[in-house]
């Protein structure tokens, strides 16, 4: 497969074949220095299929392995209380009563409504 040597038009910044004397899009003349420049070489060696699989496996496994390193860090749940207040809450999510707010006697029963 052969590829055309492309240069960038200085007027419209589009790719134009180096063999063209003028840009087919805007009509601007292509500089002779650009037309005679050597084409860029493609990389000589590419990864094999096994190499691509190995790189892909590493790209998937590395974030998973690194995520396990942050187990001791506390993270606030969206909409939840800040991590420093989590220990001050009761298991049902409400605030734990302070000792001064705890009634010392049983609560009084509600009065019965008149009939």
C-alpha atoms as a PDB file:
ATOM      1  CA  UNK A   1       0.000   0.000   0.000  1.00  0.00           C
ATOM      2  CA  UNK A   2       1.491   3.302  -1.027  1.00  0.00           C
ATOM      3  CA  UNK A   3       0.614   6.552   0.656  1.00  0.00           C
ATOM      4  CA  UNK A   4       0.786   9.999  -0.843  1.00  0.00           C
ATOM      5  CA  UNK A   5       3.237  12.473   0.583  1.00  0.00           C
ATOM      6  CA  UNK A   6       1.079  15.189   2.129  1.00  0.00           C
ATOM      7  CA  UNK A   7       1.942  18.746   3.113  1.00  0.00           C
ATOM      8  CA  UNK A   8      -0.155  21.368   4.889  1.00  0.00           C
ATOM      9  CA  UNK A   9      -1.460  24.311   2.910  1.00  0.00           C
ATOM     10  CA  UNK A  10      -0.269  27.554   4.516  1.00  0.00           C
ATOM     11  CA  UNK A  11      -3.545  29.359   3.705  1.00  0.00           C
ATOM     12  CA  UNK A  12      -6.334  26.920   4.643  1.00  0.00           C
ATOM     13  CA  UNK A  13      -4.315  24.433   6.766  1.00  0.00           C
ATOM     14  CA  UNK A  14      -5.656  21.413   4.877  1.00  0.00           C
ATOM     15  CA  UNK A  15      -3.584  18.468   3.703  1.00  0.00           C
ATOM     16  CA  UNK A  16      -2.554  18.608   0.064  1.00  0.00           C
ATOM     17  CA  UNK A  17      -0.471  16.185  -1.988  1.00  0.00           C
ATOM     18  CA  UNK A  18       3.092  17.400  -2.311  1.00  0.00           C
ATOM     19  CA  UNK A  19       2.909  16.861  -6.057  1.00  0.00           C
ATOM     20  CA  UNK A  20       0.249  19.590  -6.411  1.00  0.00           C
ATOM     21  CA  UNK A  21       1.400  23.086  -7.434  1.00  0.00           C
ATOM     22  CA  UNK A  22      -1.658  24.771  -5.895  1.00  0.00           C
ATOM     23  CA  UNK A  23      -4.091  23.862  -3.137  1.00  0.00           C
ATOM     24  CA  UNK A  24      -7.258  22.300  -4.628  1.00  0.00           C
ATOM     25  CA  UNK A  25      -9.347  23.759  -1.782  1.00  0.00           C
ATOM     26  CA  UNK A  26      -8.336  27.420  -1.650  1.00  0.00           C
ATOM     27  CA  UNK A  27      -6.174  27.798  -4.774  1.00  0.00           C
ATOM     28  CA  UNK A  28      -3.104  29.077  -2.898  1.00  0.00           C
ATOM     29  CA  UNK A  29       0.296  28.169  -4.340  1.00  0.00           C
ATOM     30  CA  UNK A  30       2.181  25.464  -2.469  1.00  0.00           C
ATOM     31  CA  UNK A  31       5.737  26.527  -1.605  1.00  0.00           C
ATOM     32  CA  UNK A  32       8.470  24.713  -3.504  1.00  0.00           C
ATOM     33  CA  UNK A  33      10.310  23.948  -0.243  1.00  0.00           C
ATOM     34  CA  UNK A  34       7.257  22.056   1.030  1.00  0.00           C
ATOM     35  CA  UNK A  35       6.789  20.166  -2.223  1.00  0.00           C
ATOM     36  CA  UNK A  36      10.400  18.950  -2.303  1.00  0.00           C
ATOM     37  CA  UNK A  37      10.630  17.978   1.388  1.00  0.00           C
ATOM     38  CA  UNK A  38      11.251  14.325   2.155  1.00  0.00           C
ATOM     39  CA  UNK A  39       8.214  12.314   3.262  1.00  0.00           C
ATOM     40  CA  UNK A  40       8.018  11.218   6.878  1.00  0.00           C
ATOM     41  CA  UNK A  41       8.945   7.613   7.518  1.00  0.00           C
ATOM     42  CA  UNK A  42       6.519   5.270   9.206  1.00  0.00           C
ATOM     43  CA  UNK A  43       7.731   3.509  12.337  1.00  0.00           C
ATOM     44  CA  UNK A  44       9.792   0.442  11.444  1.00  0.00           C
ATOM     45  CA  UNK A  45       8.498  -1.922  14.114  1.00  0.00           C
ATOM     46  CA  UNK A  46       5.018  -2.360  15.521  1.00  0.00           C
ATOM     47  CA  UNK A  47       3.746  -4.471  18.391  1.00  0.00           C
ATOM     48  CA  UNK A  48       2.767  -8.011  17.647  1.00  0.00           C
ATOM     49  CA  UNK A  49      -0.654  -9.334  18.606  1.00  0.00           C
ATOM     50  CA  UNK A  50       0.797 -10.840  21.793  1.00  0.00           C
ATOM     51  CA  UNK A  51       2.368  -7.497  22.659  1.00  0.00           C
ATOM     52  CA  UNK A  52      -0.946  -5.701  22.168  1.00  0.00           C
ATOM     53  CA  UNK A  53      -2.713  -8.229  24.410  1.00  0.00           C
ATOM     54  CA  UNK A  54      -0.053  -7.787  27.104  1.00  0.00           C
ATOM     55  CA  UNK A  55      -0.317  -3.989  26.978  1.00  0.00           C
ATOM     56  CA  UNK A  56      -4.115  -4.191  27.091  1.00  0.00           C
ATOM     57  CA  UNK A  57      -4.072  -6.566  30.056  1.00  0.00           C
ATOM     58  CA  UNK A  58      -1.712  -4.250  31.923  1.00  0.00           C
ATOM     59  CA  UNK A  59      -3.888  -1.231  31.117  1.00  0.00           C
ATOM     60  CA  UNK A  60      -6.908  -3.010  32.628  1.00  0.00           C
ATOM     61  CA  UNK A  61      -5.159  -4.609  35.626  1.00  0.00           C
ATOM     62  CA  UNK A  62      -3.080  -1.640  36.795  1.00  0.00           C
ATOM     63  CA  UNK A  63      -5.998   0.627  37.836  1.00  0.00           C
ATOM     64  CA  UNK A  64      -7.700  -2.290  39.593  1.00  0.00           C
ATOM     65  CA  UNK A  65      -4.546  -3.128  41.531  1.00  0.00           C
ATOM     66  CA  UNK A  66      -3.947   0.504  42.452  1.00  0.00           C
ATOM     67  CA  UNK A  67      -7.529   0.943  43.635  1.00  0.00           C
ATOM     68  CA  UNK A  68      -6.944  -1.660  46.334  1.00  0.00           C
ATOM     69  CA  UNK A  69      -4.104   0.417  47.818  1.00  0.00           C
ATOM     70  CA  UNK A  70      -6.456   3.093  49.146  1.00  0.00           C
ATOM     71  CA  UNK A  71      -8.479   0.860  51.495  1.00  0.00           C
ATOM     72  CA  UNK A  72      -7.594   2.851  54.608  1.00  0.00           C
ATOM     73  CA  UNK A  73      -8.670   6.165  53.111  1.00  0.00           C
ATOM     74  CA  UNK A  74     -12.225   7.190  53.919  1.00  0.00           C
ATOM     75  CA  UNK A  75     -14.312   8.630  51.147  1.00  0.00           C
ATOM     76  CA  UNK A  76     -17.532  10.531  51.657  1.00  0.00           C
ATOM     77  CA  UNK A  77     -20.590   9.087  49.985  1.00  0.00           C
ATOM     78  CA  UNK A  78     -22.399  11.500  47.702  1.00  0.00           C
ATOM     79  CA  UNK A  79     -25.053  13.241  49.782  1.00  0.00           C
ATOM     80  CA  UNK A  80     -23.763  11.699  52.996  1.00  0.00           C
ATOM     81  CA  UNK A  81     -22.085  13.328  55.961  1.00  0.00           C
ATOM     82  CA  UNK A  82     -18.388  14.148  55.914  1.00  0.00           C
ATOM     83  CA  UNK A  83     -16.156  11.207  56.963  1.00  0.00           C
ATOM     84  CA  UNK A  84     -15.265  12.789  60.319  1.00  0.00           C
ATOM     85  CA  UNK A  85     -18.954  12.806  61.327  1.00  0.00           C
ATOM     86  CA  UNK A  86     -19.704   9.219  60.314  1.00  0.00           C
ATOM     87  CA  UNK A  87     -18.499   7.860  63.686  1.00  0.00           C
ATOM     88  CA  UNK A  88     -20.850  10.218  65.534  1.00  0.00           C
ATOM     89  CA  UNK A  89     -23.991   8.816  63.945  1.00  0.00           C
ATOM     90  CA  UNK A  90     -26.252   6.023  65.115  1.00  0.00           C
ATOM     91  CA  UNK A  91     -26.527   2.866  62.959  1.00  0.00           C
ATOM     92  CA  UNK A  92     -29.920   3.995  61.620  1.00  0.00           C
ATOM     93  CA  UNK A  93     -28.384   7.188  60.239  1.00  0.00           C
ATOM     94  CA  UNK A  94     -29.712   9.552  62.902  1.00  0.00           C
ATOM     95  CA  UNK A  95     -27.549  11.485  65.317  1.00  0.00           C
ATOM     96  CA  UNK A  96     -26.605   9.685  68.517  1.00  0.00           C
ATOM     97  CA  UNK A  97     -28.090  11.355  71.559  1.00  0.00           C
ATOM     98  CA  UNK A  98     -25.717  13.018  73.939  1.00  0.00           C
ATOM     99  CA  UNK A  99     -25.842  11.917  77.601  1.00  0.00           C
ATOM    100  CA  UNK A 100     -27.410  15.226  78.683  1.00  0.00           C
ATOM    101  CA  UNK A 101     -30.262  14.826  76.176  1.00  0.00           C
ATOM    102  CA  UNK A 102     -31.131  11.302  77.335  1.00  0.00           C
ATOM    103  CA  UNK A 103     -34.217  11.335  79.592  1.00  0.00           C
ATOM    104  CA  UNK A 104     -33.601   9.885  83.029  1.00  0.00           C
ATOM    105  CA  UNK A 105     -37.172   8.711  83.553  1.00  0.00           C
ATOM    106  CA  UNK A 106     -39.639   6.948  81.277  1.00  0.00           C
ATOM    107  CA  UNK A 107     -41.582   9.285  79.005  1.00  0.00           C
ATOM    108  CA  UNK A 108     -45.012  10.408  80.140  1.00  0.00           C
ATOM    109  CA  UNK A 109     -47.912   8.796  78.265  1.00  0.00           C
ATOM    110  CA  UNK A 110     -49.879  11.048  75.942  1.00  0.00           C
ATOM    111  CA  UNK A 111     -53.210  12.287  77.242  1.00  0.00           C
ATOM    112  CA  UNK A 112     -56.225  10.526  75.760  1.00  0.00           C
ATOM    113  CA  UNK A 113     -58.370  12.727  73.559  1.00  0.00           C
ATOM    114  CA  UNK A 114     -61.899  13.572  74.795  1.00  0.00           C
ATOM    115  CA  UNK A 115     -64.729  11.577  73.279  1.00  0.00           C
END
